[in-house]
Amino acid sequence: MTAREAIEEFRESYPSSLGVDKISDWIRELEGKIILEIVNTHEGAPAVRHAFTDDTPLTAAEPYSALYTAYLRMKCDLEYGDVERYKTSGAVFAAAWADFANYYNRTHAPKSGAMLKA
């Protein structure tokens, strides 16, 4: 899945007046967190990440790509100040994050050494 596909999927399933630029920024934000907090803690993590565009393949591939739309829903609920929906969307995102992190941790060797660098 690319950022563009994640944005399209989100916009089809969640009514929002937010612009594509803001939504794209949120995807970039999440992708950065995935790289920093999950990918970079494992062997074989890329030393340099290529420039991010809306056509860049995202790190969490199927069947974990729902992570992106869950994050966008959560951020949108927060943006609109809808506390009740935010509680629900936050829980959905947390579960999707844990599912992906658990998968990644099972399938990639952790970095060796006492200190991990981000």
PDB file of N, CA and C in Angstrom:
ATOM      1  N   MET A   1       0.845  -1.175   0.000  1.00  0.00           N
ATOM      2  CA  MET A   1       0.000   0.000   0.000  1.00  0.00           C
ATOM      3  C   MET A   1       0.889   1.236   0.000  1.00  0.00           C
ATOM      4  N   THR A   2       0.466   2.239  -0.734  1.00  0.00           N
ATOM      5  CA  THR A   2       1.173   3.522  -0.754  1.00  0.00           C
ATOM      6  C   THR A   2       0.399   4.529   0.097  1.00  0.00           C
ATOM      7  N   ALA A   3       1.016   5.654   0.365  1.00  0.00           N
ATOM      8  CA  ALA A   3       0.330   6.717   1.105  1.00  0.00           C
ATOM      9  C   ALA A   3      -0.916   7.161   0.346  1.00  0.00           C
ATOM     10  N   ARG A   4      -0.805   7.275  -0.956  1.00  0.00           N
ATOM     11  CA  ARG A   4      -1.949   7.691  -1.774  1.00  0.00           C
ATOM     12  C   ARG A   4      -3.120   6.708  -1.614  1.00  0.00           C
ATOM     13  N   GLU A   5      -2.820   5.420  -1.636  1.00  0.00           N
ATOM     14  CA  GLU A   5      -3.866   4.405  -1.467  1.00  0.00           C
ATOM     15  C   GLU A   5      -4.468   4.461  -0.065  1.00  0.00           C
ATOM     16  N   ALA A   6      -3.631   4.683   0.946  1.00  0.00           N
ATOM     17  CA  ALA A   6      -4.135   4.795   2.317  1.00  0.00           C
ATOM     18  C   ALA A   6      -5.058   6.004   2.458  1.00  0.00           C
ATOM     19  N   ILE A   7      -4.688   7.104   1.828  1.00  0.00           N
ATOM     20  CA  ILE A   7      -5.512   8.314   1.875  1.00  0.00           C
ATOM     21  C   ILE A   7      -6.847   8.066   1.179  1.00  0.00           C
ATOM     22  N   GLU A   8      -6.810   7.437   0.020  1.00  0.00           N
ATOM     23  CA  GLU A   8      -8.049   7.134  -0.707  1.00  0.00           C
ATOM     24  C   GLU A   8      -8.954   6.224   0.108  1.00  0.00           C
ATOM     25  N   GLU A   9      -8.372   5.192   0.702  1.00  0.00           N
ATOM     26  CA  GLU A   9      -9.143   4.263   1.528  1.00  0.00           C
ATOM     27  C   GLU A   9      -9.777   4.991   2.706  1.00  0.00           C
ATOM     28  N   PHE A  10      -9.006   5.852   3.348  1.00  0.00           N
ATOM     29  CA  PHE A  10      -9.514   6.621   4.485  1.00  0.00           C
ATOM     30  C   PHE A  10     -10.656   7.540   4.056  1.00  0.00           C
ATOM     31  N   ARG A  11     -10.471   8.277   2.973  1.00  0.00           N
ATOM     32  CA  ARG A  11     -11.484   9.241   2.531  1.00  0.00           C
ATOM     33  C   ARG A  11     -12.770   8.551   2.079  1.00  0.00           C
ATOM     34  N   GLU A  12     -12.668   7.331   1.570  1.00  0.00           N
ATOM     35  CA  GLU A  12     -13.859   6.577   1.173  1.00  0.00           C
ATOM     36  C   GLU A  12     -14.647   6.086   2.380  1.00  0.00           C
ATOM     37  N   SER A  13     -13.956   5.835   3.479  1.00  0.00           N
ATOM     38  CA  SER A  13     -14.611   5.237   4.635  1.00  0.00           C
ATOM     39  C   SER A  13     -14.917   6.212   5.766  1.00  0.00           C
ATOM     40  N   TYR A  14     -14.372   7.429   5.701  1.00  0.00           N
ATOM     41  CA  TYR A  14     -14.521   8.366   6.807  1.00  0.00           C
ATOM     42  C   TYR A  14     -14.762   9.768   6.260  1.00  0.00           C
ATOM     43  N   PRO A  15     -15.955  10.290   6.475  1.00  0.00           N
ATOM     44  CA  PRO A  15     -16.233  11.644   5.972  1.00  0.00           C
ATOM     45  C   PRO A  15     -15.416  12.691   6.729  1.00  0.00           C
ATOM     46  N   SER A  16     -14.722  13.523   5.990  1.00  0.00           N
ATOM     47  CA  SER A  16     -13.869  14.534   6.597  1.00  0.00           C
ATOM     48  C   SER A  16     -13.667  15.675   5.616  1.00  0.00           C
ATOM     49  N   SER A  17     -13.591  16.873   6.161  1.00  0.00           N
ATOM     50  CA  SER A  17     -13.321  18.035   5.315  1.00  0.00           C
ATOM     51  C   SER A  17     -11.827  18.384   5.308  1.00  0.00           C
ATOM     52  N   LEU A  18     -11.019  17.558   5.942  1.00  0.00           N
ATOM     53  CA  LEU A  18      -9.586  17.828   5.993  1.00  0.00           C
ATOM     54  C   LEU A  18      -8.958  17.665   4.618  1.00  0.00           C
ATOM     55  N   GLY A  19      -7.972  18.490   4.340  1.00  0.00           N
ATOM     56  CA  GLY A  19      -7.283  18.443   3.055  1.00  0.00           C
ATOM     57  C   GLY A  19      -6.323  17.274   2.950  1.00  0.00           C
ATOM     58  N   VAL A  20      -6.015  16.925   1.730  1.00  0.00           N
ATOM     59  CA  VAL A  20      -5.111  15.813   1.458  1.00  0.00           C
ATOM     60  C   VAL A  20      -3.722  16.086   2.039  1.00  0.00           C
ATOM     61  N   ASP A  21      -3.275  17.334   2.032  1.00  0.00           N
ATOM     62  CA  ASP A  21      -1.949  17.648   2.561  1.00  0.00           C
ATOM     63  C   ASP A  21      -1.839  17.304   4.043  1.00  0.00           C
ATOM     64  N   LYS A  22      -2.848  17.647   4.806  1.00  0.00           N
ATOM     65  CA  LYS A  22      -2.822  17.354   6.239  1.00  0.00           C
ATOM     66  C   LYS A  22      -2.840  15.844   6.469  1.00  0.00           C
ATOM     67  N   ILE A  23      -3.681  15.142   5.726  1.00  0.00           N
ATOM     68  CA  ILE A  23      -3.771  13.690   5.864  1.00  0.00           C
ATOM     69  C   ILE A  23      -2.449  13.043   5.461  1.00  0.00           C
ATOM     70  N   SER A  24      -1.840  13.533   4.396  1.00  0.00           N
ATOM     71  CA  SER A  24      -0.546  13.026   3.944  1.00  0.00           C
ATOM     72  C   SER A  24       0.527  13.271   5.007  1.00  0.00           C
ATOM     73  N   ASP A  25       0.475  14.419   5.665  1.00  0.00           N
ATOM     74  CA  ASP A  25       1.417  14.709   6.746  1.00  0.00           C
ATOM     75  C   ASP A  25       1.266  13.706   7.883  1.00  0.00           C
ATOM     76  N   TRP A  26       0.037  13.326   8.194  1.00  0.00           N
ATOM     77  CA  TRP A  26      -0.203  12.342   9.251  1.00  0.00           C
ATOM     78  C   TRP A  26       0.360  10.973   8.858  1.00  0.00           C
ATOM     79  N   ILE A  27       0.223  10.615   7.593  1.00  0.00           N
ATOM     80  CA  ILE A  27       0.797   9.338   7.124  1.00  0.00           C
ATOM     81  C   ILE A  27       2.320   9.384   7.291  1.00  0.00           C
ATOM     82  N   ARG A  28       2.933  10.499   6.894  1.00  0.00           N
ATOM     83  CA  ARG A  28       4.382  10.664   7.049  1.00  0.00           C
ATOM     84  C   ARG A  28       4.781  10.550   8.523  1.00  0.00           C
ATOM     85  N   GLU A  29       3.991  11.174   9.370  1.00  0.00           N
ATOM     86  CA  GLU A  29       4.251  11.138  10.807  1.00  0.00           C
ATOM     87  C   GLU A  29       4.228   9.700  11.314  1.00  0.00           C
ATOM     88  N   LEU A  30       3.204   8.945  10.943  1.00  0.00           N
ATOM     89  CA  LEU A  30       3.099   7.557  11.384  1.00  0.00           C
ATOM     90  C   LEU A  30       4.229   6.716  10.807  1.00  0.00           C
ATOM     91  N   GLU A  31       4.522   6.892   9.542  1.00  0.00           N
ATOM     92  CA  GLU A  31       5.601   6.133   8.908  1.00  0.00           C
ATOM     93  C   GLU A  31       6.926   6.406   9.624  1.00  0.00           C
ATOM     94  N   GLY A  32       7.156   7.653  10.009  1.00  0.00           N
ATOM     95  CA  GLY A  32       8.362   7.986  10.762  1.00  0.00           C
ATOM     96  C   GLY A  32       8.420   7.262  12.097  1.00  0.00           C
ATOM     97  N   LYS A  33       7.279   7.179  12.782  1.00  0.00           N
ATOM     98  CA  LYS A  33       7.226   6.474  14.068  1.00  0.00           C
ATOM     99  C   LYS A  33       7.492   4.985  13.878  1.00  0.00           C
ATOM    100  N   ILE A  34       6.927   4.419  12.823  1.00  0.00           N
ATOM    101  CA  ILE A  34       7.142   2.993  12.551  1.00  0.00           C
ATOM    102  C   ILE A  34       8.631   2.726  12.320  1.00  0.00           C
ATOM    103  N   ILE A  35       9.261   3.568  11.512  1.00  0.00           N
ATOM    104  CA  ILE A  35      10.686   3.399  11.217  1.00  0.00           C
ATOM    105  C   ILE A  35      11.515   3.555  12.493  1.00  0.00           C
ATOM    106  N   LEU A  36      11.254   4.610  13.241  1.00  0.00           N
ATOM    107  CA  LEU A  36      12.038   4.915  14.433  1.00  0.00           C
ATOM    108  C   LEU A  36      11.829   3.895  15.552  1.00  0.00           C
ATOM    109  N   GLU A  37      10.580   3.579  15.850  1.00  0.00           N
ATOM    110  CA  GLU A  37      10.271   2.777  17.029  1.00  0.00           C
ATOM    111  C   GLU A  37      10.244   1.269  16.789  1.00  0.00           C
ATOM    112  N   ILE A  38      10.058   0.853  15.538  1.00  0.00           N
ATOM    113  CA  ILE A  38       9.979  -0.586  15.266  1.00  0.00           C
ATOM    114  C   ILE A  38      11.114  -1.036  14.352  1.00  0.00           C
ATOM    115  N   VAL A  39      11.187  -0.490  13.158  1.00  0.00           N
ATOM    116  CA  VAL A  39      12.141  -0.971  12.158  1.00  0.00           C
ATOM    117  C   VAL A  39      13.582  -0.754  12.594  1.00  0.00           C
ATOM    118  N   ASN A  40      13.915   0.426  13.081  1.00  0.00           N
ATOM    119  CA  ASN A  40      15.301   0.732  13.426  1.00  0.00           C
ATOM    120  C   ASN A  40      15.831  -0.035  14.628  1.00  0.00           C
ATOM    121  N   THR A  41      14.992  -0.764  15.314  1.00  0.00           N
ATOM    122  CA  THR A  41      15.439  -1.564  16.456  1.00  0.00           C
ATOM    123  C   THR A  41      15.812  -2.983  16.044  1.00  0.00           C
ATOM    124  N   HIS A  42      15.815  -3.242  14.725  1.00  0.00           N
ATOM    125  CA  HIS A  42      16.092  -4.586  14.214  1.00  0.00           C
ATOM    126  C   HIS A  42      17.250  -4.590  13.226  1.00  0.00           C
ATOM    127  N   GLU A  43      17.890  -5.744  13.137  1.00  0.00           N
ATOM    128  CA  GLU A  43      18.966  -5.931  12.164  1.00  0.00           C
ATOM    129  C   GLU A  43      18.432  -5.692  10.761  1.00  0.00           C
ATOM    130  N   GLY A  44      19.274  -5.162   9.905  1.00  0.00           N
ATOM    131  CA  GLY A  44      18.897  -4.958   8.518  1.00  0.00           C
ATOM    132  C   GLY A  44      18.085  -3.709   8.253  1.00  0.00           C
ATOM    133  N   ALA A  45      17.902  -2.879   9.271  1.00  0.00           N
ATOM    134  CA  ALA A  45      17.164  -1.626   9.067  1.00  0.00           C
ATOM    135  C   ALA A  45      17.944  -0.757   8.097  1.00  0.00           C
ATOM    136  N   PRO A  46      17.263  -0.128   7.149  1.00  0.00           N
ATOM    137  CA  PRO A  46      17.990   0.705   6.184  1.00  0.00           C
ATOM    138  C   PRO A  46      18.681   1.874   6.887  1.00  0.00           C
ATOM    139  N   ALA A  47      19.914   2.145   6.474  1.00  0.00           N
ATOM    140  CA  ALA A  47      20.681   3.242   7.075  1.00  0.00           C
ATOM    141  C   ALA A  47      20.063   4.586   6.735  1.00  0.00           C
ATOM    142  N   VAL A  48      19.559   4.712   5.516  1.00  0.00           N
ATOM    143  CA  VAL A  48      18.958   5.963   5.068  1.00  0.00           C
ATOM    144  C   VAL A  48      17.620   5.641   4.435  1.00  0.00           C
ATOM    145  N   ARG A  49      16.616   6.381   4.814  1.00  0.00           N
ATOM    146  CA  ARG A  49      15.288   6.216   4.226  1.00  0.00           C
ATOM    147  C   ARG A  49      15.202   7.126   3.009  1.00  0.00           C
ATOM    148  N   HIS A  50      14.691   6.596   1.906  1.00  0.00           N
ATOM    149  CA  HIS A  50      14.530   7.391   0.695  1.00  0.00           C
ATOM    150  C   HIS A  50      13.485   8.483   0.913  1.00  0.00           C
ATOM    151  N   ALA A  51      13.508   9.478   0.070  1.00  0.00           N
ATOM    152  CA  ALA A  51      12.532  10.567   0.158  1.00  0.00           C
ATOM    153  C   ALA A  51      11.118   9.994   0.108  1.00  0.00           C
ATOM    154  N   PHE A  52      10.270  10.490   0.963  1.00  0.00           N
ATOM    155  CA  PHE A  52       8.903   9.988   1.065  1.00  0.00           C
ATOM    156  C   PHE A  52       7.992  10.771   0.128  1.00  0.00           C
ATOM    157  N   THR A  53       7.258  10.043  -0.703  1.00  0.00           N
ATOM    158  CA  THR A  53       6.233  10.646  -1.546  1.00  0.00           C
ATOM    159  C   THR A  53       4.943   9.866  -1.332  1.00  0.00           C
ATOM    160  N   ASP A  54       3.860  10.360  -1.901  1.00  0.00           N
ATOM    161  CA  ASP A  54       2.584   9.656  -1.761  1.00  0.00           C
ATOM    162  C   ASP A  54       2.558   8.325  -2.493  1.00  0.00           C
ATOM    163  N   ASP A  55       3.558   8.067  -3.344  1.00  0.00           N
ATOM    164  CA  ASP A  55       3.640   6.798  -4.064  1.00  0.00           C
ATOM    165  C   ASP A  55       4.681   5.844  -3.477  1.00  0.00           C
ATOM    166  N   THR A  56       5.299   6.233  -2.374  1.00  0.00           N
ATOM    167  CA  THR A  56       6.259   5.376  -1.693  1.00  0.00           C
ATOM    168  C   THR A  56       5.519   4.218  -1.016  1.00  0.00           C
ATOM    169  N   PRO A  57       5.974   2.989  -1.210  1.00  0.00           N
ATOM    170  CA  PRO A  57       5.344   1.874  -0.483  1.00  0.00           C
ATOM    171  C   PRO A  57       5.509   2.068   1.022  1.00  0.00           C
ATOM    172  N   LEU A  58       4.440   1.845   1.753  1.00  0.00           N
ATOM    173  CA  LEU A  58       4.467   2.013   3.196  1.00  0.00           C
ATOM    174  C   LEU A  58       5.025   0.756   3.860  1.00  0.00           C
ATOM    175  N   THR A  59       5.549   0.909   5.041  1.00  0.00           N
ATOM    176  CA  THR A  59       6.231  -0.171   5.740  1.00  0.00           C
ATOM    177  C   THR A  59       5.285  -1.277   6.180  1.00  0.00           C
ATOM    178  N   ALA A  60       4.134  -0.925   6.708  1.00  0.00           N
ATOM    179  CA  ALA A  60       3.177  -1.933   7.198  1.00  0.00           C
ATOM    180  C   ALA A  60       2.323  -2.417   6.024  1.00  0.00           C
ATOM    181  N   ALA A  61       2.747  -3.524   5.433  1.00  0.00           N
ATOM    182  CA  ALA A  61       2.034  -4.085   4.284  1.00  0.00           C
ATOM    183  C   ALA A  61       0.864  -4.948   4.748  1.00  0.00           C
ATOM    184  N   GLU A  62       0.069  -5.387   3.787  1.00  0.00           N
ATOM    185  CA  GLU A  62      -1.045  -6.294   4.097  1.00  0.00           C
ATOM    186  C   GLU A  62      -0.513  -7.496   4.859  1.00  0.00           C
ATOM    187  N   PRO A  63      -1.192  -7.987   5.817  1.00  0.00           N
ATOM    188  CA  PRO A  63      -2.525  -7.614   6.281  1.00  0.00           C
ATOM    189  C   PRO A  63      -2.519  -6.551   7.377  1.00  0.00           C
ATOM    190  N   TYR A  64      -1.402  -5.849   7.524  1.00  0.00           N
ATOM    191  CA  TYR A  64      -1.265  -4.861   8.600  1.00  0.00           C
ATOM    192  C   TYR A  64      -1.493  -3.424   8.149  1.00  0.00           C
ATOM    193  N   SER A  65      -1.836  -3.213   6.913  1.00  0.00           N
ATOM    194  CA  SER A  65      -1.964  -1.857   6.378  1.00  0.00           C
ATOM    195  C   SER A  65      -3.159  -1.090   6.964  1.00  0.00           C
ATOM    196  N   ALA A  66      -4.075  -1.781   7.613  1.00  0.00           N
ATOM    197  CA  ALA A  66      -5.186  -1.087   8.285  1.00  0.00           C
ATOM    198  C   ALA A  66      -4.668  -0.156   9.382  1.00  0.00           C
ATOM    199  N   LEU A  67      -3.421  -0.341   9.769  1.00  0.00           N
ATOM    200  CA  LEU A  67      -2.779   0.527  10.747  1.00  0.00           C
ATOM    201  C   LEU A  67      -2.868   1.987  10.324  1.00  0.00           C
ATOM    202  N   TYR A  68      -2.698   2.243   9.027  1.00  0.00           N
ATOM    203  CA  TYR A  68      -2.689   3.622   8.530  1.00  0.00           C
ATOM    204  C   TYR A  68      -4.072   4.264   8.606  1.00  0.00           C
ATOM    205  N   THR A  69      -5.093   3.567   8.178  1.00  0.00           N
ATOM    206  CA  THR A  69      -6.437   4.158   8.246  1.00  0.00           C
ATOM    207  C   THR A  69      -6.888   4.300   9.696  1.00  0.00           C
ATOM    208  N   ALA A  70      -6.488   3.369  10.550  1.00  0.00           N
ATOM    209  CA  ALA A  70      -6.822   3.493  11.976  1.00  0.00           C
ATOM    210  C   ALA A  70      -6.170   4.749  12.560  1.00  0.00           C
ATOM    211  N   TYR A  71      -4.930   5.010  12.176  1.00  0.00           N
ATOM    212  CA  TYR A  71      -4.234   6.204  12.657  1.00  0.00           C
ATOM    213  C   TYR A  71      -4.913   7.468  12.144  1.00  0.00           C
ATOM    214  N   LEU A  72      -5.277   7.462  10.872  1.00  0.00           N
ATOM    215  CA  LEU A  72      -5.938   8.640  10.296  1.00  0.00           C
ATOM    216  C   LEU A  72      -7.274   8.906  10.968  1.00  0.00           C
ATOM    217  N   ARG A  73      -8.039   7.867  11.261  1.00  0.00           N
ATOM    218  CA  ARG A  73      -9.317   8.054  11.972  1.00  0.00           C
ATOM    219  C   ARG A  73      -9.073   8.660  13.353  1.00  0.00           C
ATOM    220  N   MET A  74      -8.086   8.118  14.049  1.00  0.00           N
ATOM    221  CA  MET A  74      -7.775   8.615  15.385  1.00  0.00           C
ATOM    222  C   MET A  74      -7.359  10.091  15.340  1.00  0.00           C
ATOM    223  N   LYS A  75      -6.462  10.428  14.409  1.00  0.00           N
ATOM    224  CA  LYS A  75      -6.007  11.814  14.293  1.00  0.00           C
ATOM    225  C   LYS A  75      -7.153  12.748  13.906  1.00  0.00           C
ATOM    226  N   CYS A  76      -8.022  12.279  13.035  1.00  0.00           N
ATOM    227  CA  CYS A  76      -9.165  13.085  12.611  1.00  0.00           C
ATOM    228  C   CYS A  76     -10.113  13.317  13.786  1.00  0.00           C
ATOM    229  N   ASP A  77     -10.395  12.275  14.554  1.00  0.00           N
ATOM    230  CA  ASP A  77     -11.263  12.424  15.723  1.00  0.00           C
ATOM    231  C   ASP A  77     -10.662  13.411  16.719  1.00  0.00           C
ATOM    232  N   LEU A  78      -9.357  13.350  16.896  1.00  0.00           N
ATOM    233  CA  LEU A  78      -8.680  14.291  17.779  1.00  0.00           C
ATOM    234  C   LEU A  78      -8.765  15.711  17.225  1.00  0.00           C
ATOM    235  N   GLU A  79      -8.543  15.851  15.938  1.00  0.00           N
ATOM    236  CA  GLU A  79      -8.601  17.164  15.280  1.00  0.00           C
ATOM    237  C   GLU A  79      -9.973  17.820  15.463  1.00  0.00           C
ATOM    238  N   TYR A  80     -11.021  17.010  15.353  1.00  0.00           N
ATOM    239  CA  TYR A  80     -12.389  17.526  15.487  1.00  0.00           C
ATOM    240  C   TYR A  80     -12.854  17.611  16.939  1.00  0.00           C
ATOM    241  N   GLY A  81     -12.030  17.162  17.869  1.00  0.00           N
ATOM    242  CA  GLY A  81     -12.384  17.241  19.286  1.00  0.00           C
ATOM    243  C   GLY A  81     -13.498  16.297  19.686  1.00  0.00           C
ATOM    244  N   ASP A  82     -13.669  15.209  18.955  1.00  0.00           N
ATOM    245  CA  ASP A  82     -14.711  14.225  19.267  1.00  0.00           C
ATOM    246  C   ASP A  82     -14.125  13.189  20.222  1.00  0.00           C
ATOM    247  N   VAL A  83     -14.247  13.473  21.513  1.00  0.00           N
ATOM    248  CA  VAL A  83     -13.588  12.674  22.541  1.00  0.00           C
ATOM    249  C   VAL A  83     -14.079  11.231  22.544  1.00  0.00           C
ATOM    250  N   GLU A  84     -15.366  11.017  22.410  1.00  0.00           N
ATOM    251  CA  GLU A  84     -15.900   9.653  22.448  1.00  0.00           C
ATOM    252  C   GLU A  84     -15.391   8.833  21.265  1.00  0.00           C
ATOM    253  N   ARG A  85     -15.427   9.405  20.082  1.00  0.00           N
ATOM    254  CA  ARG A  85     -14.911   8.683  18.916  1.00  0.00           C
ATOM    255  C   ARG A  85     -13.403   8.497  19.029  1.00  0.00           C
ATOM    256  N   TYR A  86     -12.722   9.485  19.591  1.00  0.00           N
ATOM    257  CA  TYR A  86     -11.271   9.385  19.761  1.00  0.00           C
ATOM    258  C   TYR A  86     -10.901   8.223  20.675  1.00  0.00           C
ATOM    259  N   LYS A  87     -11.649   8.023  21.738  1.00  0.00           N
ATOM    260  CA  LYS A  87     -11.384   6.896  22.636  1.00  0.00           C
ATOM    261  C   LYS A  87     -11.459   5.577  21.871  1.00  0.00           C
ATOM    262  N   THR A  88     -12.492   5.440  21.057  1.00  0.00           N
ATOM    263  CA  THR A  88     -12.664   4.215  20.286  1.00  0.00           C
ATOM    264  C   THR A  88     -11.596   4.080  19.213  1.00  0.00           C
ATOM    265  N   SER A  89     -11.380   5.135  18.438  1.00  0.00           N
ATOM    266  CA  SER A  89     -10.395   5.055  17.352  1.00  0.00           C
ATOM    267  C   SER A  89      -8.981   4.895  17.908  1.00  0.00           C
ATOM    268  N   GLY A  90      -8.726   5.470  19.079  1.00  0.00           N
ATOM    269  CA  GLY A  90      -7.419   5.288  19.716  1.00  0.00           C
ATOM    270  C   GLY A  90      -7.183   3.841  20.114  1.00  0.00           C
ATOM    271  N   ALA A  91      -8.215   3.194  20.615  1.00  0.00           N
ATOM    272  CA  ALA A  91      -8.103   1.782  20.984  1.00  0.00           C
ATOM    273  C   ALA A  91      -7.903   0.905  19.746  1.00  0.00           C
ATOM    274  N   VAL A  92      -8.604   1.229  18.670  1.00  0.00           N
ATOM    275  CA  VAL A  92      -8.447   0.479  17.422  1.00  0.00           C
ATOM    276  C   VAL A  92      -7.030   0.655  16.886  1.00  0.00           C
ATOM    277  N   PHE A  93      -6.522   1.887  16.918  1.00  0.00           N
ATOM    278  CA  PHE A  93      -5.162   2.131  16.453  1.00  0.00           C
ATOM    279  C   PHE A  93      -4.155   1.396  17.329  1.00  0.00           C
ATOM    280  N   ALA A  94      -4.315   1.448  18.642  1.00  0.00           N
ATOM    281  CA  ALA A  94      -3.376   0.787  19.550  1.00  0.00           C
ATOM    282  C   ALA A  94      -3.314  -0.719  19.267  1.00  0.00           C
ATOM    283  N   ALA A  95      -4.462  -1.313  18.989  1.00  0.00           N
ATOM    284  CA  ALA A  95      -4.492  -2.745  18.674  1.00  0.00           C
ATOM    285  C   ALA A  95      -3.795  -3.022  17.343  1.00  0.00           C
ATOM    286  N   ALA A  96      -4.023  -2.168  16.341  1.00  0.00           N
ATOM    287  CA  ALA A  96      -3.381  -2.343  15.035  1.00  0.00           C
ATOM    288  C   ALA A  96      -1.868  -2.157  15.158  1.00  0.00           C
ATOM    289  N   TRP A  97      -1.435  -1.178  15.945  1.00  0.00           N
ATOM    290  CA  TRP A  97      -0.007  -0.943  16.179  1.00  0.00           C
ATOM    291  C   TRP A  97       0.619  -2.178  16.831  1.00  0.00           C
ATOM    292  N   ALA A  98      -0.032  -2.691  17.865  1.00  0.00           N
ATOM    293  CA  ALA A  98       0.493  -3.864  18.568  1.00  0.00           C
ATOM    294  C   ALA A  98       0.568  -5.076  17.641  1.00  0.00           C
ATOM    295  N   ASP A  99      -0.450  -5.274  16.810  1.00  0.00           N
ATOM    296  CA  ASP A  99      -0.435  -6.387  15.864  1.00  0.00           C
ATOM    297  C   ASP A  99       0.763  -6.285  14.926  1.00  0.00           C
ATOM    298  N   PHE A 100       0.982  -5.097  14.360  1.00  0.00           N
ATOM    299  CA  PHE A 100       2.109  -4.930  13.440  1.00  0.00           C
ATOM    300  C   PHE A 100       3.441  -5.072  14.172  1.00  0.00           C
ATOM    301  N   ALA A 101       3.577  -4.434  15.327  1.00  0.00           N
ATOM    302  CA  ALA A 101       4.831  -4.512  16.085  1.00  0.00           C
ATOM    303  C   ALA A 101       5.136  -5.959  16.465  1.00  0.00           C
ATOM    304  N   ASN A 102       4.135  -6.689  16.894  1.00  0.00           N
ATOM    305  CA  ASN A 102       4.346  -8.095  17.252  1.00  0.00           C
ATOM    306  C   ASN A 102       4.793  -8.905  16.038  1.00  0.00           C
ATOM    307  N   TYR A 103       4.148  -8.692  14.901  1.00  0.00           N
ATOM    308  CA  TYR A 103       4.549  -9.373  13.675  1.00  0.00           C
ATOM    309  C   TYR A 103       5.992  -9.037  13.323  1.00  0.00           C
ATOM    310  N   TYR A 104       6.329  -7.761  13.331  1.00  0.00           N
ATOM    311  CA  TYR A 104       7.672  -7.334  12.942  1.00  0.00           C
ATOM    312  C   TYR A 104       8.714  -7.908  13.896  1.00  0.00           C
ATOM    313  N   ASN A 105       8.394  -7.889  15.184  1.00  0.00           N
ATOM    314  CA  ASN A 105       9.329  -8.417  16.179  1.00  0.00           C
ATOM    315  C   ASN A 105       9.524  -9.931  16.032  1.00  0.00           C
ATOM    316  N   ARG A 106       8.490 -10.647  15.602  1.00  0.00           N
ATOM    317  CA  ARG A 106       8.594 -12.096  15.392  1.00  0.00           C
ATOM    318  C   ARG A 106       9.414 -12.440  14.151  1.00  0.00           C
ATOM    319  N   THR A 107       9.384 -11.581  13.162  1.00  0.00           N
ATOM    320  CA  THR A 107       9.959 -11.927  11.859  1.00  0.00           C
ATOM    321  C   THR A 107      11.283 -11.232  11.550  1.00  0.00           C
ATOM    322  N   HIS A 108      11.780 -10.403  12.446  1.00  0.00           N
ATOM    323  CA  HIS A 108      13.049  -9.701  12.235  1.00  0.00           C
ATOM    324  C   HIS A 108      13.906  -9.817  13.492  1.00  0.00           C
ATOM    325  N   ALA A 109      15.176 -10.072  13.300  1.00  0.00           N
ATOM    326  CA  ALA A 109      16.094 -10.202  14.419  1.00  0.00           C
ATOM    327  C   ALA A 109      16.364  -8.830  15.040  1.00  0.00           C
ATOM    328  N   PRO A 110      16.360  -8.768  16.368  1.00  0.00           N
ATOM    329  CA  PRO A 110      16.670  -7.497  17.022  1.00  0.00           C
ATOM    330  C   PRO A 110      18.135  -7.140  16.825  1.00  0.00           C
ATOM    331  N   LYS A 111      18.425  -5.858  16.900  1.00  0.00           N
ATOM    332  CA  LYS A 111      19.823  -5.418  16.827  1.00  0.00           C
ATOM    333  C   LYS A 111      20.571  -5.961  18.031  1.00  0.00           C
ATOM    334  N   SER A 112      21.790  -6.342  17.808  1.00  0.00           N
ATOM    335  CA  SER A 112      22.612  -6.814  18.910  1.00  0.00           C
ATOM    336  C   SER A 112      23.346  -5.628  19.529  1.00  0.00           C
ATOM    337  N   GLY A 113      23.779  -5.801  20.737  1.00  0.00           N
ATOM    338  CA  GLY A 113      24.518  -4.734  21.404  1.00  0.00           C
ATOM    339  C   GLY A 113      23.710  -4.134  22.540  1.00  0.00           C
ATOM    340  N   ALA A 114      24.405  -3.450  23.402  1.00  0.00           N
ATOM    341  CA  ALA A 114      23.769  -2.885  24.584  1.00  0.00           C
ATOM    342  C   ALA A 114      22.972  -1.628  24.283  1.00  0.00           C
ATOM    343  N   MET A 115      23.418  -0.862  23.305  1.00  0.00           N
ATOM    344  CA  MET A 115      22.750   0.405  23.010  1.00  0.00           C
ATOM    345  C   MET A 115      22.134   0.345  21.616  1.00  0.00           C
ATOM    346  N   LEU A 116      20.871   0.691  21.529  1.00  0.00           N
ATOM    347  CA  LEU A 116      20.200   0.777  20.234  1.00  0.00           C
ATOM    348  C   LEU A 116      20.140   2.237  19.823  1.00  0.00           C
ATOM    349  N   LYS A 117      20.470   2.514  18.593  1.00  0.00           N
ATOM    350  CA  LYS A 117      20.387   3.878  18.095  1.00  0.00           C
ATOM    351  C   LYS A 117      19.132   4.032  17.254  1.00  0.00           C
ATOM    352  N   ALA A 118      18.475   5.150  17.397  1.00  0.00           N
ATOM    353  CA  ALA A 118      17.266   5.423  16.616  1.00  0.00           C
ATOM    354  C   ALA A 118      17.615   5.848  15.210  1.00  0.00           C
TER     355      ALA A 118
END
